[in-house]
N, C-alpha and C. Protein backbone atom coordinates (compact mmCIF):
# COMPACT_ATOMS: atom_id res chain seq x y z
N UNK A 1 14.11 18.64 -22.50
CA UNK A 1 14.67 17.80 -21.35
C UNK A 1 13.91 18.38 -20.13
N UNK A 2 14.23 19.67 -19.56
CA UNK A 2 13.69 20.44 -18.46
C UNK A 2 12.20 20.19 -18.52
N UNK A 3 11.52 20.16 -19.28
CA UNK A 3 9.98 19.84 -19.46
C UNK A 3 10.01 18.47 -18.95
N UNK A 4 10.52 17.54 -19.33
CA UNK A 4 10.32 16.24 -19.32
C UNK A 4 10.63 15.86 -17.55
N UNK A 5 11.79 16.60 -17.19
CA UNK A 5 12.03 16.46 -15.62
C UNK A 5 10.82 17.08 -14.80
N UNK A 6 10.39 18.05 -15.34
CA UNK A 6 9.14 18.92 -14.58
C UNK A 6 8.09 17.73 -14.63
N UNK A 7 7.84 17.08 -15.35
CA UNK A 7 6.57 16.22 -15.62
C UNK A 7 6.72 15.04 -14.82
N UNK A 8 8.06 14.57 -14.80
CA UNK A 8 8.20 13.26 -13.91
C UNK A 8 8.30 13.60 -12.44
N UNK A 9 8.88 14.84 -12.21
CA UNK A 9 8.72 15.22 -10.64
C UNK A 9 7.25 15.40 -10.33
N UNK A 10 6.41 16.00 -11.05
CA UNK A 10 5.11 16.48 -10.89
C UNK A 10 4.21 14.84 -10.76
N UNK A 11 4.65 13.83 -11.51
CA UNK A 11 4.15 12.49 -11.20
C UNK A 11 4.25 11.78 -9.98
N UNK A 12 5.61 11.99 -9.60
CA UNK A 12 6.20 11.17 -8.13
C UNK A 12 5.78 12.17 -7.22
N UNK A 13 5.38 13.39 -7.18
CA UNK A 13 5.03 14.33 -6.14
C UNK A 13 3.27 14.03 -6.00
N UNK A 14 2.79 13.73 -7.34
CA UNK A 14 1.35 13.26 -7.19
C UNK A 14 1.10 12.07 -6.59
N UNK A 15 1.89 10.89 -6.77
CA UNK A 15 2.12 9.59 -6.37
C UNK A 15 1.90 9.70 -4.77
N UNK A 16 2.87 10.68 -3.90
CA UNK A 16 3.02 10.88 -2.72
C UNK A 16 1.75 11.07 -2.13
N UNK A 17 1.33 12.21 -2.68
CA UNK A 17 -0.02 12.96 -2.39
C UNK A 17 -1.06 11.97 -2.35
N UNK A 18 -1.24 11.39 -3.31
CA UNK A 18 -2.33 10.34 -3.27
C UNK A 18 -2.12 9.34 -2.25
N UNK A 19 -0.98 8.84 -2.00
CA UNK A 19 -0.76 7.78 -1.02
C UNK A 19 -0.88 8.55 0.47
N UNK A 20 -0.63 9.79 0.48
CA UNK A 20 -0.87 10.58 1.74
C UNK A 20 -2.44 10.60 2.36
N UNK A 21 -3.41 10.61 1.49
CA UNK A 21 -4.67 10.90 1.79
C UNK A 21 -4.93 9.91 2.93
N UNK A 22 -5.40 10.52 4.11
CA UNK A 22 -5.52 9.54 5.54
C UNK A 22 -6.93 9.18 5.64
N UNK A 23 -7.06 7.99 4.84
CA UNK A 23 -8.34 7.38 4.57
C UNK A 23 -8.97 7.11 5.98
N UNK A 24 -8.22 6.18 6.72
CA UNK A 24 -8.70 5.48 7.97
C UNK A 24 -8.87 6.57 8.87
N UNK A 25 -7.76 7.83 9.00
CA UNK A 25 -8.07 8.69 10.01
C UNK A 25 -9.31 9.69 9.59
N UNK A 26 -9.58 9.71 8.26
CA UNK A 26 -10.76 10.44 7.94
C UNK A 26 -12.21 9.27 8.45
N UNK A 27 -12.10 8.40 8.36
CA UNK A 27 -13.28 7.56 8.60
C UNK A 27 -13.47 7.54 10.13
N UNK A 28 -12.18 7.87 10.91
CA UNK A 28 -12.64 7.69 12.37
C UNK A 28 -12.99 8.87 12.80
N UNK A 29 -12.61 10.02 12.16
CA UNK A 29 -13.02 11.22 12.39
C UNK A 29 -14.25 11.58 11.96
N UNK A 30 -14.96 11.12 10.83
CA UNK A 30 -16.19 11.37 10.40
C UNK A 30 -17.56 10.57 11.07
N UNK A 31 -17.06 9.12 11.20
CA UNK A 31 -18.21 8.28 11.63
C UNK A 31 -18.28 8.06 12.97
N UNK A 32 -16.92 8.48 13.85
CA UNK A 32 -16.90 8.41 15.36
C UNK A 32 -16.53 9.42 16.11
N UNK A 33 -15.90 10.24 15.57
CA UNK A 33 -15.45 11.62 16.07
C UNK A 33 -14.16 11.27 16.80
N UNK A 34 -13.13 10.47 16.52
CA UNK A 34 -12.17 9.89 17.09
C UNK A 34 -10.79 10.11 16.25
N UNK A 35 -9.58 10.17 16.89
CA UNK A 35 -8.33 9.80 16.18
C UNK A 35 -8.06 8.53 16.34
N UNK A 36 -8.14 7.67 14.98
CA UNK A 36 -8.13 6.46 15.11
C UNK A 36 -6.40 6.09 15.73
N UNK A 37 -5.46 7.05 15.73
CA UNK A 37 -4.29 6.66 16.10
C UNK A 37 -4.05 6.57 17.72
N UNK A 38 -5.27 6.78 18.09
CA UNK A 38 -5.20 6.82 19.79
C UNK A 38 -5.92 5.61 20.22
N UNK A 39 -6.28 4.66 19.23
CA UNK A 39 -7.21 3.46 19.54
C UNK A 39 -6.66 2.15 18.99
N UNK A 40 -6.79 1.19 19.55
CA UNK A 40 -6.29 -0.24 18.79
C UNK A 40 -4.94 -0.15 18.72
N UNK A 41 -4.46 -0.52 17.59
CA UNK A 41 -2.97 -0.81 17.15
C UNK A 41 -2.10 0.72 16.97
N UNK A 42 -3.01 1.93 16.61
CA UNK A 42 -2.37 3.06 16.36
C UNK A 42 -2.40 3.33 14.90
N UNK A 43 -2.70 2.21 14.12
CA UNK A 43 -2.57 2.31 12.62
C UNK A 43 -3.67 2.87 12.08
N UNK A 44 -3.44 3.70 11.10
CA UNK A 44 -4.62 4.35 10.11
C UNK A 44 -5.27 3.34 9.19
N UNK A 45 -4.81 1.85 9.07
CA UNK A 45 -5.02 1.11 8.10
C UNK A 45 -6.51 0.66 8.35
N UNK A 46 -6.95 -0.33 7.34
CA UNK A 46 -8.01 -0.89 7.41
C UNK A 46 -8.36 -1.67 8.65
N UNK A 47 -7.48 -2.56 8.83
CA UNK A 47 -7.68 -3.46 10.00
C UNK A 47 -7.79 -3.00 11.34
N UNK A 48 -7.21 -1.74 11.61
CA UNK A 48 -7.46 -0.94 12.84
C UNK A 48 -8.79 -0.29 12.71
N UNK A 49 -9.28 0.05 11.59
CA UNK A 49 -10.56 0.63 11.41
C UNK A 49 -11.65 -0.39 11.54
N UNK A 50 -11.29 -1.36 11.22
CA UNK A 50 -12.39 -2.70 11.67
C UNK A 50 -12.53 -2.75 13.16
N UNK A 51 -11.51 -2.92 13.79
CA UNK A 51 -11.51 -2.99 15.31
C UNK A 51 -12.17 -1.74 16.10
N UNK A 52 -11.96 -0.73 15.38
CA UNK A 52 -12.40 0.53 16.02
C UNK A 52 -13.54 1.22 15.57
N UNK A 53 -13.98 0.95 14.15
CA UNK A 53 -14.87 1.90 13.62
C UNK A 53 -15.99 0.86 13.17
N UNK A 54 -15.61 -0.31 12.67
CA UNK A 54 -16.72 -0.96 12.04
C UNK A 54 -16.36 -1.87 10.71
N UNK A 55 -17.40 -2.84 10.41
CA UNK A 55 -16.71 -3.65 9.08
C UNK A 55 -16.98 -2.74 7.73
N UNK A 56 -18.26 -1.86 7.67
CA UNK A 56 -18.46 -0.96 6.44
C UNK A 56 -17.40 -0.10 6.56
N UNK A 57 -16.98 0.48 7.46
CA UNK A 57 -16.01 1.59 7.39
C UNK A 57 -14.57 0.92 6.66
N UNK A 58 -14.39 -0.37 7.43
CA UNK A 58 -13.14 -0.85 7.21
C UNK A 58 -12.90 -1.40 5.49
N UNK A 59 -14.13 -2.14 5.11
CA UNK A 59 -14.02 -2.44 3.74
C UNK A 59 -13.85 -1.14 2.91
N UNK A 60 -14.70 -0.01 3.19
CA UNK A 60 -14.48 1.30 2.47
C UNK A 60 -13.05 1.77 2.56
N UNK A 61 -12.38 1.79 3.70
CA UNK A 61 -10.92 2.16 3.72
C UNK A 61 -10.07 1.32 2.71
N UNK A 62 -10.33 0.08 3.02
CA UNK A 62 -9.54 -0.87 2.42
C UNK A 62 -9.67 -0.89 0.68
N UNK A 63 -10.87 -0.28 -0.01
CA UNK A 63 -10.78 -0.23 -1.28
C UNK A 63 -10.22 1.23 -1.76
N UNK A 64 -10.56 2.21 -0.90
CA UNK A 64 -10.06 3.32 -0.94
C UNK A 64 -8.57 3.46 -1.01
N UNK A 65 -7.99 2.90 -0.12
CA UNK A 65 -6.32 2.83 -0.03
C UNK A 65 -5.91 1.67 -1.23
N UNK A 66 -6.53 0.87 -1.91
CA UNK A 66 -6.05 0.26 -3.07
C UNK A 66 -6.37 1.20 -4.01
N UNK A 67 -7.23 2.11 -4.25
CA UNK A 67 -7.49 2.87 -5.18
C UNK A 67 -6.42 4.00 -5.29
N UNK A 68 -6.05 4.35 -4.38
CA UNK A 68 -4.94 5.59 -4.17
C UNK A 68 -3.67 5.08 -4.94
N UNK A 69 -3.33 3.81 -4.72
CA UNK A 69 -2.26 3.20 -5.34
C UNK A 69 -2.42 2.84 -6.73
N UNK A 70 -3.54 2.21 -7.26
CA UNK A 70 -4.05 2.23 -8.49
C UNK A 70 -3.93 3.40 -9.23
N UNK A 71 -4.40 4.67 -8.59
CA UNK A 71 -4.22 5.82 -9.21
C UNK A 71 -3.12 6.30 -9.60
N UNK A 72 -2.13 6.33 -8.50
CA UNK A 72 -0.69 6.52 -8.67
C UNK A 72 -0.08 6.10 -9.66
N UNK A 73 -0.27 4.97 -10.13
CA UNK A 73 0.38 4.34 -11.09
C UNK A 73 -0.27 4.66 -12.48
N UNK A 74 -1.72 4.47 -12.53
CA UNK A 74 -2.39 4.70 -13.50
C UNK A 74 -2.41 6.34 -14.19
N UNK A 75 -1.90 7.04 -13.42
CA UNK A 75 -1.42 8.30 -13.85
C UNK A 75 -0.26 8.32 -14.68
N UNK A 76 0.57 7.66 -14.41
CA UNK A 76 1.84 7.61 -15.29
C UNK A 76 1.44 6.92 -16.66
N UNK A 77 0.60 5.96 -16.55
CA UNK A 77 0.39 5.24 -18.02
C UNK A 77 -0.58 6.07 -18.82
N UNK A 78 -1.37 6.76 -18.23
CA UNK A 78 -2.43 7.81 -18.98
C UNK A 78 -1.25 8.78 -19.39
N UNK A 79 -0.40 9.43 -18.66
CA UNK A 79 0.36 10.46 -18.93
C UNK A 79 1.12 10.05 -20.16
N UNK A 80 1.64 8.87 -20.20
CA UNK A 80 2.29 8.75 -21.40
C UNK A 80 1.74 8.33 -22.74
N UNK A 81 0.49 7.67 -22.60
CA UNK A 81 -0.45 7.78 -23.64
C UNK A 81 -0.77 9.26 -24.38
N UNK A 82 -0.88 9.98 -23.41
CA UNK A 82 -1.51 11.27 -23.95
C UNK A 82 -0.61 12.12 -23.93
N UNK A 83 0.69 12.33 -23.48
CA UNK A 83 1.76 13.26 -23.62
C UNK A 83 2.72 12.77 -24.78
N UNK A 84 3.06 11.64 -24.52
CA UNK A 84 3.91 10.94 -25.69
C UNK A 84 5.25 10.69 -25.18
N UNK A 85 5.84 9.88 -25.81
CA UNK A 85 7.33 9.67 -25.51
C UNK A 85 8.25 10.72 -26.34
N UNK A 86 7.56 11.54 -27.15
CA UNK A 86 8.62 12.46 -27.45
C UNK A 86 8.83 13.58 -26.43
N UNK A 87 8.08 13.58 -25.26
CA UNK A 87 8.22 14.46 -24.36
C UNK A 87 8.77 13.68 -23.27
N UNK A 88 8.27 12.53 -23.14
CA UNK A 88 8.51 11.41 -21.85
C UNK A 88 9.35 10.21 -22.52
N UNK A 89 10.66 10.24 -22.19
CA UNK A 89 11.31 9.18 -22.86
C UNK A 89 10.71 7.92 -22.50
N UNK A 90 10.75 7.06 -23.51
CA UNK A 90 10.08 5.60 -23.05
C UNK A 90 10.96 5.03 -21.94
N UNK A 91 12.27 4.98 -22.22
CA UNK A 91 12.99 4.37 -20.96
C UNK A 91 12.81 4.79 -19.62
N UNK A 92 12.10 6.11 -19.27
CA UNK A 92 12.03 6.34 -18.35
C UNK A 92 10.70 5.88 -17.57
N UNK A 93 9.97 5.19 -18.25
CA UNK A 93 8.39 4.81 -17.78
C UNK A 93 8.47 3.82 -16.73
N UNK A 94 9.17 2.76 -16.69
CA UNK A 94 9.26 1.70 -15.75
C UNK A 94 9.90 2.07 -14.26
N UNK A 95 10.95 3.11 -14.65
CA UNK A 95 11.60 3.60 -13.50
C UNK A 95 10.64 4.84 -12.99
N UNK A 96 9.92 5.38 -13.54
CA UNK A 96 8.96 6.61 -12.90
C UNK A 96 7.72 5.71 -12.33
N UNK A 97 7.43 4.63 -12.77
CA UNK A 97 6.59 3.79 -12.10
C UNK A 97 6.79 3.28 -10.84
N UNK A 98 8.31 2.89 -10.79
CA UNK A 98 8.79 2.28 -9.51
C UNK A 98 9.02 3.22 -8.71
N UNK A 99 9.21 4.26 -8.87
CA UNK A 99 9.91 5.39 -8.22
C UNK A 99 8.19 6.20 -7.42
N UNK A 100 7.37 6.33 -8.54
CA UNK A 100 6.24 6.63 -7.85
C UNK A 100 5.35 5.82 -6.99
N UNK A 101 5.47 4.33 -7.45
CA UNK A 101 4.91 3.23 -6.44
C UNK A 101 5.48 3.39 -5.13
N UNK A 102 6.87 3.49 -5.02
CA UNK A 102 7.43 3.54 -3.64
C UNK A 102 6.80 5.01 -2.81
N UNK A 103 7.07 6.10 -3.50
CA UNK A 103 6.39 7.05 -2.88
C UNK A 103 5.09 7.19 -2.44
N UNK A 104 4.17 6.55 -3.23
CA UNK A 104 2.71 6.23 -2.84
C UNK A 104 2.59 5.34 -1.53
N UNK A 105 3.50 4.32 -1.52
CA UNK A 105 3.46 3.38 -0.40
C UNK A 105 4.12 4.02 1.11
N UNK A 106 5.12 5.01 0.54
CA UNK A 106 5.39 5.57 1.77
C UNK A 106 4.66 6.64 2.20
N UNK A 107 3.91 7.37 1.41
CA UNK A 107 2.82 8.32 1.60
C UNK A 107 1.80 8.08 2.54
N UNK A 108 1.44 6.73 2.27
CA UNK A 108 0.50 5.97 3.21
C UNK A 108 0.74 5.97 4.62
N UNK A 109 2.03 5.58 4.72
CA UNK A 109 2.45 5.35 6.21
C UNK A 109 3.01 6.41 6.74
N UNK A 110 3.61 7.56 5.77
CA UNK A 110 4.05 8.61 6.60
C UNK A 110 3.36 10.13 5.72
N UNK A 111 2.09 10.02 6.19
CA UNK A 111 1.38 11.10 5.46
C UNK A 111 1.99 12.41 5.92
N UNK A 112 1.97 13.46 4.93
CA UNK A 112 2.12 14.73 5.18
C UNK A 112 1.02 15.42 5.86
N UNK A 113 -0.30 14.96 6.01
CA UNK A 113 -1.30 15.44 6.87
C UNK A 113 -1.49 14.87 7.86
N UNK A 114 -0.65 13.73 8.44
CA UNK A 114 -0.94 13.35 9.84
C UNK A 114 0.52 13.41 10.53
N UNK A 115 1.25 14.45 10.27
CA UNK A 115 2.58 14.55 11.13
C UNK A 115 3.63 13.28 10.83
N UNK A 116 3.29 12.64 9.32
CA UNK A 116 4.40 11.74 8.87
C UNK A 116 3.86 10.32 9.62
N UNK A 117 2.60 10.07 9.92
CA UNK A 117 2.02 8.79 10.53
C UNK A 117 1.39 8.16 9.63
N UNK A 118 0.67 6.84 9.80
CA UNK A 118 -0.23 6.53 8.89
C UNK A 118 -0.41 5.21 9.10
N UNK A 119 -0.74 4.34 7.86
CA UNK A 119 -0.98 2.78 8.05
C UNK A 119 0.28 2.08 7.62
N UNK A 120 0.10 0.74 7.42
CA UNK A 120 1.07 -0.15 7.40
C UNK A 120 1.42 -0.50 5.81
N UNK A 121 0.62 -0.05 5.08
CA UNK A 121 1.08 0.12 3.49
C UNK A 121 0.71 -1.12 2.67
N UNK A 122 -0.10 -2.16 3.37
CA UNK A 122 -0.35 -3.19 2.70
C UNK A 122 -1.32 -3.10 1.49
N UNK A 123 -2.52 -2.44 1.84
CA UNK A 123 -3.42 -2.11 0.82
C UNK A 123 -3.01 -1.50 -0.37
N UNK A 124 -2.33 -0.29 -0.03
CA UNK A 124 -1.97 0.43 -1.00
C UNK A 124 -0.86 -0.12 -1.94
N UNK A 125 -0.15 -0.99 -1.34
CA UNK A 125 0.80 -1.71 -2.12
C UNK A 125 0.08 -2.61 -3.01
N UNK A 126 -0.70 -3.23 -2.86
CA UNK A 126 -1.90 -4.30 -3.55
C UNK A 126 -2.31 -3.30 -4.77
N UNK A 127 -3.04 -2.27 -4.28
CA UNK A 127 -3.61 -1.30 -5.29
C UNK A 127 -2.52 -0.95 -6.48
N UNK A 128 -1.17 -0.71 -6.08
CA UNK A 128 0.04 -0.37 -6.74
C UNK A 128 0.14 -1.67 -7.90
N UNK A 129 0.30 -2.67 -7.01
CA UNK A 129 0.91 -4.13 -8.04
C UNK A 129 -0.16 -4.25 -8.83
N UNK A 130 -1.62 -4.19 -8.79
CA UNK A 130 -2.78 -4.40 -9.78
C UNK A 130 -2.52 -3.78 -11.10
N UNK A 131 -2.34 -2.46 -10.91
CA UNK A 131 -1.88 -1.69 -12.11
C UNK A 131 -0.54 -1.79 -12.76
N UNK A 132 0.51 -2.26 -11.89
CA UNK A 132 1.99 -2.29 -12.42
C UNK A 132 1.96 -3.67 -13.23
N UNK A 133 1.22 -4.56 -12.64
CA UNK A 133 1.19 -6.07 -13.31
C UNK A 133 -0.06 -6.68 -12.64
N UNK A 134 -1.09 -7.14 -13.34
CA UNK A 134 -2.22 -7.56 -12.67
C UNK A 134 -1.88 -8.99 -12.18
N UNK A 135 -1.32 -9.75 -12.90
CA UNK A 135 -0.92 -11.28 -12.47
C UNK A 135 -0.22 -11.04 -11.17
N UNK A 136 0.70 -10.06 -11.08
CA UNK A 136 1.45 -9.95 -9.58
C UNK A 136 0.60 -9.47 -8.60
N UNK A 137 -0.35 -8.77 -9.15
CA UNK A 137 -1.33 -8.28 -8.09
C UNK A 137 -2.32 -9.25 -7.48
N UNK A 138 -2.81 -10.22 -8.47
CA UNK A 138 -3.64 -11.22 -8.09
C UNK A 138 -3.28 -12.27 -7.44
N UNK A 139 -1.74 -12.49 -7.84
CA UNK A 139 -1.08 -13.48 -7.11
C UNK A 139 -0.79 -13.27 -5.65
N UNK A 140 -0.44 -12.01 -5.39
CA UNK A 140 -0.33 -11.36 -4.02
C UNK A 140 -1.76 -11.42 -3.28
N UNK A 141 -2.68 -11.03 -3.79
CA UNK A 141 -3.89 -11.11 -3.29
C UNK A 141 -4.35 -12.40 -2.95
N UNK A 142 -4.20 -13.36 -3.88
CA UNK A 142 -4.44 -14.70 -3.47
C UNK A 142 -3.86 -15.23 -2.36
N UNK A 143 -2.47 -14.92 -2.23
CA UNK A 143 -1.55 -15.22 -1.15
C UNK A 143 -2.21 -14.66 0.15
N UNK A 144 -2.74 -13.49 0.16
CA UNK A 144 -3.19 -12.97 1.40
C UNK A 144 -4.44 -13.51 1.92
N UNK A 145 -5.34 -13.84 0.65
CA UNK A 145 -6.73 -14.24 1.08
C UNK A 145 -6.35 -15.81 1.53
N UNK A 146 -5.52 -16.69 1.01
CA UNK A 146 -5.55 -18.05 1.33
C UNK A 146 -4.92 -18.10 2.65
N UNK A 147 -4.07 -17.26 3.18
CA UNK A 147 -3.58 -17.13 4.59
C UNK A 147 -4.40 -16.68 5.36
N UNK A 148 -5.27 -15.53 5.07
CA UNK A 148 -6.25 -15.24 6.00
C UNK A 148 -7.30 -16.43 6.07
N UNK A 149 -7.81 -17.00 5.24
CA UNK A 149 -8.69 -18.00 5.27
C UNK A 149 -8.32 -19.20 6.29
N UNK A 150 -6.83 -19.56 6.29
CA UNK A 150 -6.47 -20.39 7.06
C UNK A 150 -6.01 -19.93 8.36
N UNK A 151 -5.64 -18.86 8.63
CA UNK A 151 -5.19 -18.50 10.02
C UNK A 151 -6.08 -17.26 10.64
N UNK A 152 -7.00 -16.43 9.96
CA UNK A 152 -8.12 -15.64 10.45
C UNK A 152 -6.96 -14.29 11.17
N UNK A 153 -5.76 -14.31 10.70
CA UNK A 153 -4.69 -13.37 11.25
C UNK A 153 -4.41 -12.05 9.97
N UNK A 154 -4.80 -10.90 9.99
CA UNK A 154 -4.53 -10.16 9.04
C UNK A 154 -3.31 -9.70 8.65
N UNK A 155 -2.22 -9.51 9.82
CA UNK A 155 -0.99 -9.20 10.00
C UNK A 155 -0.17 -10.42 9.27
N UNK A 156 -0.57 -11.56 9.58
CA UNK A 156 0.16 -12.91 8.90
C UNK A 156 -0.04 -12.70 7.44
N UNK A 157 -1.21 -12.72 7.18
CA UNK A 157 -1.58 -12.64 5.59
C UNK A 157 -0.95 -11.39 4.89
N UNK A 158 -0.72 -10.30 5.49
CA UNK A 158 -0.13 -9.03 4.99
C UNK A 158 1.39 -9.51 4.80
N UNK A 159 2.11 -10.24 5.65
CA UNK A 159 3.57 -10.18 5.88
C UNK A 159 3.78 -11.43 4.70
N UNK A 160 2.56 -12.38 4.69
CA UNK A 160 2.71 -13.50 3.74
C UNK A 160 2.71 -12.87 2.00
N UNK A 161 1.97 -11.81 1.85
CA UNK A 161 1.65 -11.17 0.67
C UNK A 161 3.24 -10.40 0.44
N UNK A 162 3.70 -9.77 1.53
CA UNK A 162 4.83 -9.06 1.44
C UNK A 162 6.00 -10.11 0.81
N UNK A 163 6.02 -11.17 1.18
CA UNK A 163 7.24 -12.11 0.89
C UNK A 163 6.75 -12.82 -0.57
N UNK A 164 5.50 -12.77 -0.73
CA UNK A 164 5.14 -13.57 -2.26
C UNK A 164 5.53 -12.75 -3.12
N UNK A 165 5.41 -11.46 -3.12
CA UNK A 165 5.34 -10.36 -4.17
C UNK A 165 6.41 -10.50 -4.91
N UNK A 166 7.64 -10.55 -4.22
CA UNK A 166 8.81 -10.64 -4.99
C UNK A 166 8.99 -11.97 -6.02
N UNK A 167 8.37 -13.15 -5.35
CA UNK A 167 8.59 -14.17 -6.43
C UNK A 167 7.46 -14.01 -7.41
N UNK A 168 6.22 -13.69 -7.33
CA UNK A 168 5.63 -13.18 -8.63
C UNK A 168 5.80 -12.26 -9.36
N UNK A 169 6.79 -11.33 -8.80
CA UNK A 169 7.15 -10.38 -9.92
C UNK A 169 8.41 -11.07 -10.63
N UNK A 170 9.34 -11.83 -10.04
CA UNK A 170 10.33 -12.43 -10.72
C UNK A 170 9.63 -13.25 -11.97
N UNK A 171 8.60 -13.90 -11.68
CA UNK A 171 7.89 -14.77 -12.75
C UNK A 171 7.24 -14.02 -13.80
N UNK A 172 6.31 -12.94 -13.48
CA UNK A 172 5.61 -12.46 -14.30
C UNK A 172 6.40 -11.02 -15.20
N UNK A 173 7.00 -10.46 -14.31
CA UNK A 173 7.68 -9.06 -14.83
C UNK A 173 9.01 -8.82 -14.13
N UNK A 174 9.95 -9.70 -14.67
CA UNK A 174 11.35 -9.70 -14.16
C UNK A 174 12.15 -8.33 -14.59
N UNK A 175 11.62 -7.17 -15.04
CA UNK A 175 12.59 -6.03 -15.24
C UNK A 175 13.07 -5.46 -13.54
N UNK A 176 14.22 -4.97 -14.10
CA UNK A 176 15.08 -4.22 -12.87
C UNK A 176 14.20 -3.49 -11.95
N UNK A 177 13.41 -2.35 -12.67
CA UNK A 177 12.70 -1.47 -11.71
C UNK A 177 11.39 -2.08 -11.12
N UNK A 178 11.00 -3.01 -11.68
CA UNK A 178 9.88 -3.78 -11.10
C UNK A 178 10.24 -4.72 -9.80
N UNK A 179 11.27 -5.19 -10.14
CA UNK A 179 11.87 -6.08 -9.17
C UNK A 179 12.48 -5.47 -8.03
N UNK A 180 12.85 -4.29 -8.34
CA UNK A 180 13.39 -3.23 -7.27
C UNK A 180 12.15 -2.85 -6.03
N UNK A 181 11.18 -2.58 -6.97
CA UNK A 181 10.11 -2.14 -6.30
C UNK A 181 9.41 -3.28 -5.07
N UNK A 182 9.33 -4.43 -5.89
CA UNK A 182 8.70 -5.79 -5.26
C UNK A 182 9.50 -5.96 -3.94
N UNK A 183 10.84 -6.11 -3.86
CA UNK A 183 11.87 -6.28 -3.05
C UNK A 183 11.56 -5.07 -1.91
N UNK A 184 11.76 -3.92 -2.33
CA UNK A 184 11.58 -2.62 -1.16
C UNK A 184 10.48 -2.49 -0.76
N UNK A 185 9.24 -2.75 -1.32
CA UNK A 185 7.89 -2.37 -0.80
C UNK A 185 7.37 -3.63 0.06
N UNK A 186 7.93 -4.83 -0.38
CA UNK A 186 7.82 -6.23 0.39
C UNK A 186 8.51 -5.98 1.75
N UNK A 187 9.81 -5.56 1.83
CA UNK A 187 10.79 -5.33 3.05
C UNK A 187 9.92 -3.90 3.78
N UNK A 188 9.63 -2.97 3.11
CA UNK A 188 9.20 -2.10 3.74
C UNK A 188 7.90 -2.33 4.72
N UNK A 189 7.04 -3.29 3.93
CA UNK A 189 5.63 -3.60 4.73
C UNK A 189 6.16 -4.48 5.93
N UNK A 190 6.92 -5.50 5.53
CA UNK A 190 7.46 -6.30 7.05
C UNK A 190 7.93 -5.46 7.92
N UNK A 191 8.84 -4.32 7.64
CA UNK A 191 9.23 -3.65 8.63
C UNK A 191 8.19 -2.82 9.56
N UNK A 192 7.05 -2.46 8.66
CA UNK A 192 5.84 -1.74 9.40
C UNK A 192 5.07 -2.62 10.29
N UNK A 193 5.23 -3.86 9.97
CA UNK A 193 4.62 -4.94 10.79
C UNK A 193 5.51 -5.58 12.11
N UNK A 194 6.61 -4.63 12.37
CA UNK A 194 7.29 -5.33 13.46
C UNK A 194 6.61 -5.46 14.80
N UNK A 195 5.86 -4.45 15.11
CA UNK A 195 4.89 -4.97 16.48
C UNK A 195 4.40 -6.34 16.14
N UNK A 196 3.50 -6.59 15.02
CA UNK A 196 2.73 -7.67 14.70
C UNK A 196 3.73 -9.04 14.69
N UNK A 197 4.85 -8.80 14.28
CA UNK A 197 5.79 -10.02 14.19
C UNK A 197 6.12 -10.19 15.87
N UNK A 198 6.30 -9.33 16.59
CA UNK A 198 6.61 -9.61 18.21
C UNK A 198 5.34 -10.50 18.55
N UNK A 199 4.05 -10.00 18.34
CA UNK A 199 2.89 -10.35 18.85
C UNK A 199 2.76 -12.06 18.30
N UNK A 200 3.18 -12.19 16.88
CA UNK A 200 2.98 -13.52 16.46
C UNK A 200 3.65 -14.39 17.24
N UNK A 201 4.95 -14.00 17.43
CA UNK A 201 6.13 -14.88 17.68
C UNK A 201 5.56 -15.36 19.22
N UNK A 202 4.79 -14.10 19.98
CA UNK A 202 4.56 -14.59 21.29
C UNK A 202 3.16 -15.11 21.48
N UNK A 203 2.50 -15.49 20.41
CA UNK A 203 1.08 -16.07 20.47
C UNK A 203 0.00 -14.97 20.78
N UNK A 204 0.29 -13.65 20.83
CA UNK A 204 -0.65 -12.48 21.28
C UNK A 204 -1.33 -11.81 20.05
N UNK A 205 -1.07 -12.09 18.91
CA UNK A 205 -1.66 -11.48 17.89
C UNK A 205 -3.07 -12.01 17.43
N UNK A 206 -4.01 -10.96 17.65
CA UNK A 206 -5.47 -11.13 17.65
C UNK A 206 -5.95 -11.62 16.07
N UNK A 207 -7.10 -12.44 16.09
CA UNK A 207 -7.43 -12.97 15.04
C UNK A 207 -8.49 -11.95 14.80
N UNK A 208 -9.04 -12.03 13.55
CA UNK A 208 -10.34 -11.25 13.04
C UNK A 208 -11.25 -11.18 14.18
N UNK A 209 -11.74 -9.97 14.82
CA UNK A 209 -12.76 -9.84 15.60
C UNK A 209 -12.33 -9.79 17.10
N UNK A 210 -10.95 -9.96 17.52
CA UNK A 210 -10.32 -10.05 18.64
C UNK A 210 -9.73 -8.65 18.60
N UNK A 211 -9.34 -8.14 19.98
CA UNK A 211 -8.84 -6.99 20.25
C UNK A 211 -7.35 -7.10 20.61
N UNK A 212 -6.40 -6.13 20.34
CA UNK A 212 -5.34 -6.31 20.48
C UNK A 212 -4.66 -6.33 21.79
N UNK A 213 -4.07 -7.41 22.08
CA UNK A 213 -3.47 -7.75 23.35
C UNK A 213 -2.12 -6.75 23.64
N UNK A 214 -1.83 -6.45 24.90
CA UNK A 214 -0.58 -5.89 25.11
C UNK A 214 0.44 -6.85 25.21
């Protein structure tokens, strides 16, 4: 049992550290020699990278941030396949996935490498979902893309996805651990977008290609 607890703790810690990799910050430092937290919205996410560094960097950051979330969950599934349920009880699996997913999302926005600052956790949440349940991930992605196409506002698209994820999880995988993740992660992404919500309500939220207004 103590070995099982050690493996479980190692998986959870790995998920947080993967989420903490400061992709957007590194892109700003390497490509433009800037601290991206001092520019635009102050976020290290792909949207602020788009505004301050460029399209290519933003696409790269978006993909890597999604990959961080995918790896955090894939690591658990691979561990169960190769270590075996005799060491890791099968009943732990979905709870380990849920906790690790939340820690990966938290790590992205509260990175240990950036004095617990970071992005708004939308992209990494999508990566997590694509491995947790592809149908939920694709449904959430479709919601994001449809709203983005209609509004050209990234934050509104992220907020729409954060709301839709609980609906898709209830349809495709209504287990308690996964529903808990969907609700908590969605709520966390919404909370991280507080300033965006204020700008949306005042009509000041920028569309793609526009600068952030005060």
